[in-house]
Amino acid sequence: MEKKQEFALRCHDITIGLGNKEVPDFEVITEVGLMVKLALHIRGLSRIPYETLKLAASHFLGISTLICRNIVLSLAEIEFVQIISEGSTIKAIVPTVPFYEDLYDQVGEFASTKKVNETEELAITILKKLTHSPIHSSWIYELGAEKSLVQRNLSIGEQGNYIINKRSRGKDILLSPVYFSENADLFSDLVAKSGAKTVQKILTLIKQAQGIPLHIVETRKEINGVKLTDQEITLLKSLAHDSVIKPPSIKTSHSGENYFLFTPKPGEARLSATKREIYERAMALVSAVRQGQYLPKEYAIRSPYAILRKLSNDNEIGASTEALEQYKQLTVLRVGRLVKQYNGWMKFVLNDTEENREAVKLALELIELGEGKGLEIDDDARLAIAQGQTYIESLISANKLKEKETVSLSEEHQEEVDNLFLGGVSNN
């Protein structure tokens, strides 16, 4: 990933972690993060009345009506929207947002023209590290930044819900709930015990082979040609057995019960509520084809990606004698159904719903890229924008208005504010 793409991505991560909280220290991060957030949710939609957009942005995306105009103007500057206006009044927009990679690339290019402050620069550096693995807090203090600046960043991160500080085995361990939302205590303990570099190595290898069976790793003592020590395999088993990763399993008559390894499921900031069930189905799809690849009864799958691509294109997978046990769990999850053929052969047929098509697409991304795209998009928000103002108003009337929160100022900044407002007050 290019530097400018990652900058835009981390700004977005921080912004969605913050939610409705405002951080006085963040200017570029907030602008860039909200640009990405809005762009992701309007991509592919047709003409949107501006009043509809403002309502949806405020209610679903935490973008206030005052800020919304500036974000829209910034998106227009990089040609992500066409603005329809009367004089200075915005009447509607027409989204022209590009695909995922180009989206982050172009927003990152826009961000490169801005001047970030020291607090923002350190915030991005910290989160880039935390996306790969939890770390010892001492790492941050070794970056050379002033102690007060480091402490300010940790305070913002903790108040802003994108950094968690856990004490484990006498050490302070930092992790990001954006990427490691579940079992924070167990993750902290593993990092304190085995070291951040070892945990990061294991997670990186799993990401490069999403869905690989635990049994295969134990037997071969390697992942994709990278050898693992007995200590690293023990750590890997701890990740699985202690439910830090919560691996899916498939039970067959010829190979018993096997667990399939995935990197931790993203936190709420990176995985919207409307995508959670889709993510579970995608992992089940990957596990099923990995079963056929690594643990077949007779005929191994040579290319799991090709099998899933066929499912995406044809809504079915060719018949086989192993389909019943291999794809049974997918029928339980309502991803598809097994159709009897001749001589005991069966084929798996996709239940053709939008959710299942999304699950197949996500499964392909997990195998090809090691992660899914667009997981943070709230489908309810996109639906509301498409439905229009009346629909959104009915939703808003049924819910309480959201309150804005502000992350507290640092002592230094608070003193400056106090002096500004109290400067004219005499002590006499």
Protein backbone atom coordinates (compact mmCIF):
# COMPACT_ATOMS: atom_id res chain seq x y z
CA MET A 1 0.00 0.00 0.00
CA GLU A 2 1.33 3.42 -0.94
CA LYS A 3 2.01 5.96 1.79
CA LYS A 4 -0.75 8.34 0.69
CA GLN A 5 -3.29 5.51 0.49
CA GLU A 6 -2.43 4.34 3.99
CA PHE A 7 -2.62 7.88 5.36
CA ALA A 8 -6.19 8.22 4.06
CA LEU A 9 -7.10 4.78 5.38
CA ARG A 10 -5.73 5.49 8.88
CA CYS A 11 -7.50 8.87 8.98
CA HIS A 12 -10.70 7.00 8.23
CA ASP A 13 -9.95 4.40 10.94
CA ILE A 14 -9.41 7.13 13.52
CA THR A 15 -12.52 9.03 12.46
CA ILE A 16 -14.84 6.04 12.67
CA GLY A 17 -13.27 5.10 15.99
CA LEU A 18 -14.01 8.59 17.31
CA GLY A 19 -17.66 8.41 16.28
CA ASN A 20 -19.37 11.59 17.50
CA LYS A 21 -16.35 12.80 19.47
CA GLU A 22 -14.57 15.95 18.36
CA VAL A 23 -10.81 16.31 18.84
CA PRO A 24 -9.49 19.88 18.86
CA ASP A 25 -6.03 18.57 17.90
CA PHE A 26 -7.25 16.92 14.70
CA GLU A 27 -7.94 18.99 11.60
CA VAL A 28 -6.54 17.13 8.62
CA ILE A 29 -7.35 13.71 10.12
CA THR A 30 -10.98 14.70 10.64
CA GLU A 31 -11.42 16.23 7.19
CA VAL A 32 -9.76 13.35 5.36
CA GLY A 33 -11.48 10.69 7.46
CA LEU A 34 -14.92 12.17 6.87
CA MET A 35 -14.22 12.53 3.15
CA VAL A 36 -13.49 8.80 2.96
CA LYS A 37 -16.49 7.91 5.11
CA LEU A 38 -18.95 9.90 3.01
CA ALA A 39 -17.40 8.80 -0.30
CA LEU A 40 -17.66 5.11 0.66
CA HIS A 41 -21.35 5.44 1.45
CA ILE A 42 -22.42 7.35 -1.66
CA ARG A 43 -20.32 5.49 -4.22
CA GLY A 44 -22.49 4.09 -7.00
CA LEU A 45 -25.63 5.97 -6.00
CA SER A 46 -27.53 8.24 -8.37
CA ARG A 47 -28.42 11.92 -7.89
CA ILE A 48 -28.87 12.76 -4.17
CA PRO A 49 -30.83 15.81 -2.99
CA TYR A 50 -28.57 17.78 -0.66
CA GLU A 51 -31.17 17.93 2.13
CA THR A 52 -31.35 14.13 2.03
CA LEU A 53 -27.57 13.88 2.16
CA LYS A 54 -27.31 16.22 5.16
CA LEU A 55 -29.90 14.27 7.12
CA ALA A 56 -28.32 10.89 6.35
CA ALA A 57 -24.78 12.14 7.00
CA SER A 58 -25.78 13.50 10.38
CA HIS A 59 -27.93 10.58 11.52
CA PHE A 60 -25.91 7.63 10.21
CA LEU A 61 -22.36 8.87 9.69
CA GLY A 62 -21.84 11.41 12.45
CA ILE A 63 -21.15 14.25 10.00
CA SER A 64 -22.83 17.39 11.27
CA THR A 65 -24.76 19.58 8.86
CA LEU A 66 -22.24 22.39 9.40
CA ILE A 67 -19.31 20.18 8.41
CA CYS A 68 -21.15 18.36 5.62
CA ARG A 69 -20.95 21.27 3.20
CA ASN A 70 -17.16 21.53 3.54
CA ILE A 71 -16.75 17.78 3.07
CA VAL A 72 -18.89 17.87 -0.06
CA LEU A 73 -16.87 20.79 -1.43
CA SER A 74 -13.63 18.88 -0.76
CA LEU A 75 -15.04 15.82 -2.55
CA ALA A 76 -15.99 18.02 -5.47
CA GLU A 77 -12.43 19.38 -5.55
CA ILE A 78 -11.10 15.87 -6.27
CA GLU A 79 -14.03 15.16 -8.63
CA PHE A 80 -15.74 12.57 -6.42
CA VAL A 81 -19.05 14.44 -6.74
CA GLN A 82 -20.67 16.82 -9.16
CA ILE A 83 -22.49 19.64 -7.40
CA ILE A 84 -25.83 20.93 -8.69
CA SER A 85 -26.42 24.39 -7.25
CA GLU A 86 -28.45 27.55 -7.51
CA GLY A 87 -26.17 30.45 -6.75
CA SER A 88 -24.29 29.50 -3.59
CA THR A 89 -26.95 27.00 -2.53
CA ILE A 90 -26.20 23.31 -3.06
CA LYS A 91 -29.35 21.61 -4.35
CA ALA A 92 -28.05 18.10 -5.08
CA ILE A 93 -24.94 16.06 -5.78
CA VAL A 94 -24.16 13.33 -8.30
CA PRO A 95 -21.58 10.84 -6.92
CA THR A 96 -18.65 9.94 -9.21
CA VAL A 97 -16.61 8.12 -6.57
CA PRO A 98 -14.04 5.64 -8.00
CA PHE A 99 -13.36 2.10 -6.84
CA TYR A 100 -11.77 1.24 -3.51
CA GLU A 101 -8.03 1.59 -4.28
CA ASP A 102 -8.44 4.75 -6.35
CA LEU A 103 -10.68 6.22 -3.67
CA TYR A 104 -7.96 6.04 -1.02
CA ASP A 105 -5.29 7.01 -3.51
CA GLN A 106 -7.02 10.22 -4.58
CA VAL A 107 -8.10 11.23 -1.07
CA GLY A 108 -4.55 10.54 0.08
CA GLU A 109 -3.24 12.76 -2.72
CA PHE A 110 -5.59 15.51 -1.51
CA ALA A 111 -4.31 15.00 2.06
CA SER A 112 -0.68 15.34 0.91
CA THR A 113 -1.38 18.98 0.09
CA LYS A 114 -2.36 19.63 3.71
CA LYS A 115 -0.07 20.31 6.67
CA VAL A 116 -0.55 17.87 9.52
CA ASN A 117 0.45 18.85 13.05
CA GLU A 118 2.69 16.81 15.35
CA THR A 119 -0.22 15.24 17.21
CA GLU A 120 -1.83 14.06 13.98
CA GLU A 121 1.45 12.73 12.59
CA LEU A 122 2.09 10.67 15.73
CA ALA A 123 -1.51 9.43 15.81
CA ILE A 124 -1.16 8.03 12.27
CA THR A 125 2.21 6.42 13.11
CA ILE A 126 0.80 4.70 16.19
CA LEU A 127 -2.29 3.36 14.46
CA LYS A 128 -0.26 2.06 11.49
CA LYS A 129 1.68 -0.06 13.98
CA LEU A 130 -1.44 -1.21 15.84
CA THR A 131 -3.14 -2.45 12.67
CA HIS A 132 -0.68 -5.35 12.52
CA SER A 133 -0.48 -6.40 16.16
CA PRO A 134 -0.86 -5.16 19.72
CA ILE A 135 2.43 -3.66 20.99
CA HIS A 136 4.27 -2.74 24.16
CA SER A 137 3.62 0.91 25.03
CA SER A 138 7.37 1.43 25.40
CA TRP A 139 7.63 1.30 21.58
CA ILE A 140 5.85 4.64 21.27
CA TYR A 141 8.17 6.37 23.70
CA GLU A 142 11.12 5.17 21.62
CA LEU A 143 9.92 7.12 18.55
CA GLY A 144 11.63 10.28 19.76
CA ALA A 145 8.49 12.38 20.30
CA GLU A 146 8.14 14.46 23.45
CA LYS A 147 6.68 12.56 26.38
CA SER A 148 3.78 15.01 26.68
CA LEU A 149 2.90 14.52 23.00
CA VAL A 150 2.93 10.72 23.40
CA GLN A 151 0.72 10.91 26.47
CA ARG A 152 -1.66 13.27 24.70
CA ASN A 153 -1.97 10.82 21.80
CA LEU A 154 -2.67 7.91 24.12
CA SER A 155 -5.31 9.98 25.91
CA ILE A 156 -7.00 10.90 22.61
CA GLY A 157 -6.82 7.31 21.39
CA GLU A 158 -8.35 5.89 24.56
CA GLN A 159 -11.10 8.54 24.74
CA GLY A 160 -11.62 8.14 21.00
CA ASN A 161 -12.05 4.35 21.14
CA TYR A 162 -9.25 3.45 18.74
CA ILE A 163 -6.60 2.57 21.38
CA ILE A 164 -6.93 0.34 24.43
CA ASN A 165 -4.25 0.22 27.13
CA LYS A 166 -4.11 -3.13 28.95
CA ARG A 167 -1.84 -4.07 31.86
CA SER A 168 -0.58 -7.65 31.52
CA ARG A 169 2.31 -9.47 33.21
CA GLY A 170 3.59 -6.16 34.53
CA LYS A 171 3.65 -4.58 31.07
CA ASP A 172 1.47 -1.96 29.38
CA ILE A 173 0.12 -3.38 26.13
CA LEU A 174 -1.60 -1.22 23.52
CA LEU A 175 -4.05 -2.56 20.97
CA SER A 176 -6.58 -1.06 18.61
CA PRO A 177 -10.22 -2.17 18.96
CA VAL A 178 -10.58 -1.08 15.34
CA TYR A 179 -8.67 -4.25 14.39
CA PHE A 180 -8.63 -6.38 17.57
CA SER A 181 -12.04 -5.92 19.11
CA GLU A 182 -12.58 -9.21 20.90
CA ASN A 183 -10.63 -10.83 23.73
CA ALA A 184 -8.42 -7.83 24.39
CA ASP A 185 -7.19 -9.30 27.68
CA LEU A 186 -6.06 -12.54 26.03
CA PHE A 187 -4.30 -10.70 23.22
CA SER A 188 -2.54 -8.45 25.71
CA ASP A 189 -1.39 -11.47 27.70
CA LEU A 190 -0.03 -13.19 24.59
CA VAL A 191 1.91 -10.09 23.55
CA ALA A 192 3.29 -9.63 27.06
CA LYS A 193 4.32 -13.30 27.15
CA SER A 194 5.59 -13.91 23.61
CA GLY A 195 6.48 -10.44 22.35
CA ALA A 196 4.80 -8.16 19.81
CA LYS A 197 7.10 -9.23 16.94
CA THR A 198 6.23 -12.91 17.35
CA VAL A 199 2.49 -12.22 17.49
CA GLN A 200 2.76 -9.94 14.46
CA LYS A 201 4.66 -12.62 12.53
CA ILE A 202 1.96 -15.21 13.22
CA LEU A 203 -0.90 -12.84 12.32
CA THR A 204 0.86 -11.76 9.11
CA LEU A 205 1.33 -15.37 8.02
CA ILE A 206 -2.32 -16.18 8.72
CA LYS A 207 -3.39 -13.14 6.72
CA GLN A 208 -1.40 -14.48 3.77
CA ALA A 209 -3.16 -17.85 4.05
CA GLN A 210 -6.63 -17.07 5.39
CA GLY A 211 -8.53 -20.23 6.29
CA ILE A 212 -5.54 -22.57 6.47
CA PRO A 213 -6.31 -25.63 8.67
CA LEU A 214 -4.63 -25.63 12.08
CA HIS A 215 -3.83 -29.34 11.65
CA ILE A 216 -1.83 -28.63 8.50
CA VAL A 217 0.23 -25.95 10.24
CA GLU A 218 0.94 -28.27 13.18
CA THR A 219 1.94 -31.11 10.87
CA ARG A 220 4.08 -29.15 8.42
CA LYS A 221 5.39 -26.60 10.94
CA GLU A 222 5.21 -23.87 8.31
CA ILE A 223 2.81 -21.53 6.54
CA ASN A 224 3.41 -20.79 2.87
CA GLY A 225 7.00 -22.00 3.14
CA VAL A 226 7.84 -19.95 6.26
CA LYS A 227 9.09 -22.26 8.98
CA LEU A 228 7.61 -22.00 12.48
CA THR A 229 9.31 -22.85 15.74
CA ASP A 230 7.62 -25.03 18.35
CA GLN A 231 7.10 -21.88 20.43
CA GLU A 232 5.38 -20.11 17.52
CA ILE A 233 3.13 -23.11 16.87
CA THR A 234 2.22 -23.15 20.57
CA LEU A 235 1.33 -19.46 20.27
CA LEU A 236 -0.75 -20.18 17.18
CA LYS A 237 -2.65 -22.91 19.03
CA SER A 238 -3.21 -20.49 21.92
CA LEU A 239 -4.69 -17.96 19.52
CA ALA A 240 -7.11 -20.62 18.31
CA HIS A 241 -7.88 -22.60 21.46
CA ASP A 242 -8.22 -19.56 23.72
CA SER A 243 -10.82 -18.22 21.27
CA VAL A 244 -8.77 -15.13 20.44
CA ILE A 245 -9.36 -15.85 16.77
CA LYS A 246 -12.41 -18.17 17.10
CA PRO A 247 -11.70 -20.47 14.15
CA PRO A 248 -14.58 -22.04 12.19
CA SER A 249 -14.56 -25.84 12.07
CA ILE A 250 -15.67 -28.58 9.66
CA LYS A 251 -16.17 -32.22 10.66
CA THR A 252 -15.80 -34.98 8.06
CA SER A 253 -15.78 -38.77 8.31
CA HIS A 254 -12.33 -39.05 6.72
CA SER A 255 -10.38 -36.27 8.47
CA GLY A 256 -12.31 -35.68 11.70
CA GLU A 257 -12.92 -32.15 13.02
CA ASN A 258 -10.61 -29.46 11.71
CA TYR A 259 -10.24 -25.79 12.62
CA PHE A 260 -9.55 -23.12 10.00
CA LEU A 261 -7.44 -20.11 10.95
CA PHE A 262 -8.32 -16.49 10.20
CA THR A 263 -6.98 -13.19 11.44
CA PRO A 264 -9.16 -11.58 14.14
CA LYS A 265 -12.52 -10.32 13.00
CA PRO A 266 -12.36 -6.51 12.67
CA GLY A 267 -13.87 -4.34 15.37
CA GLU A 268 -17.14 -2.43 15.10
CA ALA A 269 -15.38 0.53 13.51
CA ARG A 270 -14.12 -1.60 10.61
CA LEU A 271 -17.02 -4.07 10.44
CA SER A 272 -20.49 -2.52 10.34
CA ALA A 273 -23.42 -4.32 11.93
CA THR A 274 -24.90 -5.02 8.49
CA LYS A 275 -21.71 -6.86 7.45
CA ARG A 276 -21.25 -9.14 10.48
CA GLU A 277 -23.34 -12.06 9.27
CA ILE A 278 -21.88 -11.66 5.78
CA TYR A 279 -18.37 -11.93 7.27
CA GLU A 280 -19.29 -15.16 9.08
CA ARG A 281 -20.62 -16.63 5.84
CA ALA A 282 -17.47 -15.57 3.96
CA MET A 283 -15.24 -17.34 6.51
CA ALA A 284 -17.39 -20.46 6.19
CA LEU A 285 -17.00 -20.36 2.40
CA VAL A 286 -13.23 -20.04 2.65
CA SER A 287 -13.09 -22.86 5.22
CA ALA A 288 -15.09 -25.14 2.91
CA VAL A 289 -12.75 -24.71 -0.04
CA ARG A 290 -9.66 -24.92 2.18
CA GLN A 291 -11.03 -28.27 3.44
CA GLY A 292 -11.10 -29.47 -0.15
CA GLN A 293 -7.65 -28.05 -0.82
CA TYR A 294 -5.75 -29.39 2.20
CA LEU A 295 -7.86 -32.24 3.60
CA PRO A 296 -9.70 -33.96 0.74
CA LYS A 297 -10.89 -37.53 0.91
CA GLU A 298 -9.67 -38.25 -2.60
CA TYR A 299 -9.49 -35.33 -5.06
CA ALA A 300 -7.87 -32.10 -3.87
CA ILE A 301 -9.01 -28.64 -4.96
CA ARG A 302 -6.11 -27.06 -6.82
CA SER A 303 -7.38 -23.49 -6.75
CA PRO A 304 -9.82 -22.40 -4.02
CA TYR A 305 -9.99 -19.00 -5.71
CA ALA A 306 -11.14 -20.60 -8.98
CA ILE A 307 -13.84 -22.58 -7.16
CA LEU A 308 -15.22 -19.45 -5.50
CA ARG A 309 -14.96 -17.51 -8.76
CA LYS A 310 -17.14 -20.18 -10.41
CA LEU A 311 -19.62 -19.87 -7.54
CA SER A 312 -19.64 -16.10 -8.08
CA ASN A 313 -20.17 -16.40 -11.84
CA ASP A 314 -22.46 -19.46 -12.05
CA ASN A 315 -24.11 -19.55 -8.60
CA GLU A 316 -22.97 -23.16 -8.21
CA ILE A 317 -19.95 -25.41 -7.73
CA GLY A 318 -19.44 -28.54 -9.83
CA ALA A 319 -20.72 -31.81 -8.36
CA SER A 320 -18.42 -34.10 -6.37
CA THR A 321 -18.54 -37.05 -3.99
CA GLU A 322 -17.19 -34.91 -1.14
CA ALA A 323 -19.64 -32.00 -1.41
CA LEU A 324 -22.00 -33.26 1.34
CA GLU A 325 -19.47 -33.03 4.16
CA GLN A 326 -17.47 -30.18 2.65
CA TYR A 327 -20.36 -27.75 2.18
CA LYS A 328 -22.85 -28.95 4.80
CA GLN A 329 -22.11 -26.07 7.19
CA LEU A 330 -22.88 -23.59 4.41
CA THR A 331 -26.41 -24.96 4.17
CA VAL A 332 -26.85 -24.40 7.93
CA LEU A 333 -25.82 -20.76 7.43
CA ARG A 334 -28.30 -20.46 4.53
CA VAL A 335 -25.51 -19.66 2.08
CA GLY A 336 -26.69 -22.35 -0.30
CA ARG A 337 -28.14 -25.83 -0.70
CA LEU A 338 -26.90 -29.25 -1.76
CA VAL A 339 -28.56 -30.77 -4.82
CA LYS A 340 -28.35 -34.52 -5.41
CA GLN A 341 -26.91 -35.67 -8.72
CA TYR A 342 -26.20 -39.21 -9.89
CA ASN A 343 -24.37 -42.04 -8.06
CA GLY A 344 -24.30 -40.13 -4.75
CA TRP A 345 -22.65 -37.04 -6.21
CA MET A 346 -23.85 -33.64 -5.04
CA LYS A 347 -23.35 -30.06 -6.10
CA PHE A 348 -23.52 -26.91 -4.04
CA VAL A 349 -25.91 -24.22 -5.30
CA LEU A 350 -25.83 -20.67 -3.96
CA ASN A 351 -29.01 -19.22 -2.48
CA ASP A 352 -29.09 -16.18 -4.74
CA THR A 353 -29.52 -13.29 -2.30
CA GLU A 354 -27.65 -10.00 -2.08
CA GLU A 355 -26.13 -11.06 1.28
CA ASN A 356 -24.79 -14.33 -0.14
CA ARG A 357 -23.37 -12.66 -3.22
CA GLU A 358 -21.60 -10.23 -0.90
CA ALA A 359 -20.30 -13.17 1.15
CA VAL A 360 -18.84 -14.86 -1.94
CA LYS A 361 -17.20 -11.59 -3.00
CA LEU A 362 -15.73 -11.17 0.48
CA ALA A 363 -14.50 -14.79 0.51
CA LEU A 364 -12.65 -14.12 -2.76
CA GLU A 365 -11.03 -11.03 -1.23
CA LEU A 366 -9.98 -12.94 1.88
CA ILE A 367 -8.17 -15.50 -0.27
CA GLU A 368 -6.68 -13.06 -2.77
CA LEU A 369 -5.91 -10.05 -0.55
CA GLY A 370 -6.00 -11.42 2.99
CA GLU A 371 -8.74 -8.96 3.97
CA GLY A 372 -12.10 -7.68 2.79
CA LYS A 373 -12.95 -4.31 1.29
CA GLY A 374 -15.75 -1.98 2.27
CA LEU A 375 -16.56 -3.83 5.50
CA GLU A 376 -17.16 -0.53 7.27
CA ILE A 377 -19.94 0.55 4.90
CA ASP A 378 -23.30 0.69 6.65
CA ASP A 379 -25.81 -0.72 4.15
CA ASP A 380 -28.68 0.82 6.14
CA ALA A 381 -27.15 4.26 5.58
CA ARG A 382 -26.82 3.67 1.84
CA LEU A 383 -30.41 2.42 1.70
CA ALA A 384 -31.63 5.49 3.56
CA ILE A 385 -29.80 7.86 1.21
CA ALA A 386 -31.31 6.05 -1.77
CA GLN A 387 -34.82 6.07 -0.26
CA GLY A 388 -34.84 9.81 0.31
CA GLN A 389 -35.63 12.52 2.85
CA THR A 390 -39.05 11.28 4.00
CA TYR A 391 -37.66 7.83 4.80
CA ILE A 392 -34.74 9.28 6.79
CA GLU A 393 -37.00 11.69 8.69
CA SER A 394 -39.19 8.79 9.79
CA LEU A 395 -36.11 6.98 11.11
CA ILE A 396 -34.85 10.05 12.92
CA SER A 397 -38.24 10.66 14.56
CA ALA A 398 -38.09 7.16 16.03
CA ASN A 399 -34.68 7.74 17.61
CA LYS A 400 -33.16 10.17 20.04
CA LEU A 401 -31.01 12.93 18.63
CA LYS A 402 -27.33 12.12 18.83
CA GLU A 403 -25.24 14.13 21.25
CA LYS A 404 -21.88 15.55 20.28
CA GLU A 405 -18.94 14.78 22.55
CA THR A 406 -15.58 16.49 22.76
CA VAL A 407 -12.27 14.91 23.72
CA SER A 408 -10.84 16.95 26.59
CA LEU A 409 -7.98 19.35 25.92
CA SER A 410 -4.44 18.72 27.09
CA GLU A 411 -3.35 20.66 30.20
CA GLU A 412 -1.19 22.92 28.03
CA HIS A 413 -4.01 23.70 25.61
CA GLN A 414 -6.51 24.13 28.45
CA GLU A 415 -4.19 26.68 30.05
CA GLU A 416 -3.96 28.56 26.76
CA VAL A 417 -7.76 28.64 26.45
CA ASP A 418 -8.13 29.78 30.07
CA ASN A 419 -5.62 32.59 29.50
CA LEU A 420 -7.47 33.62 26.35
CA PHE A 421 -10.81 33.98 28.09
CA LEU A 422 -9.53 35.11 31.46
CA GLY A 423 -6.78 37.41 30.17
CA GLY A 424 -8.84 40.50 30.83
CA VAL A 425 -9.74 39.54 34.40
CA SER A 426 -7.74 41.41 37.03
CA ASN A 427 -6.49 39.72 40.20
CA ASN A 428 -6.93 43.00 42.12
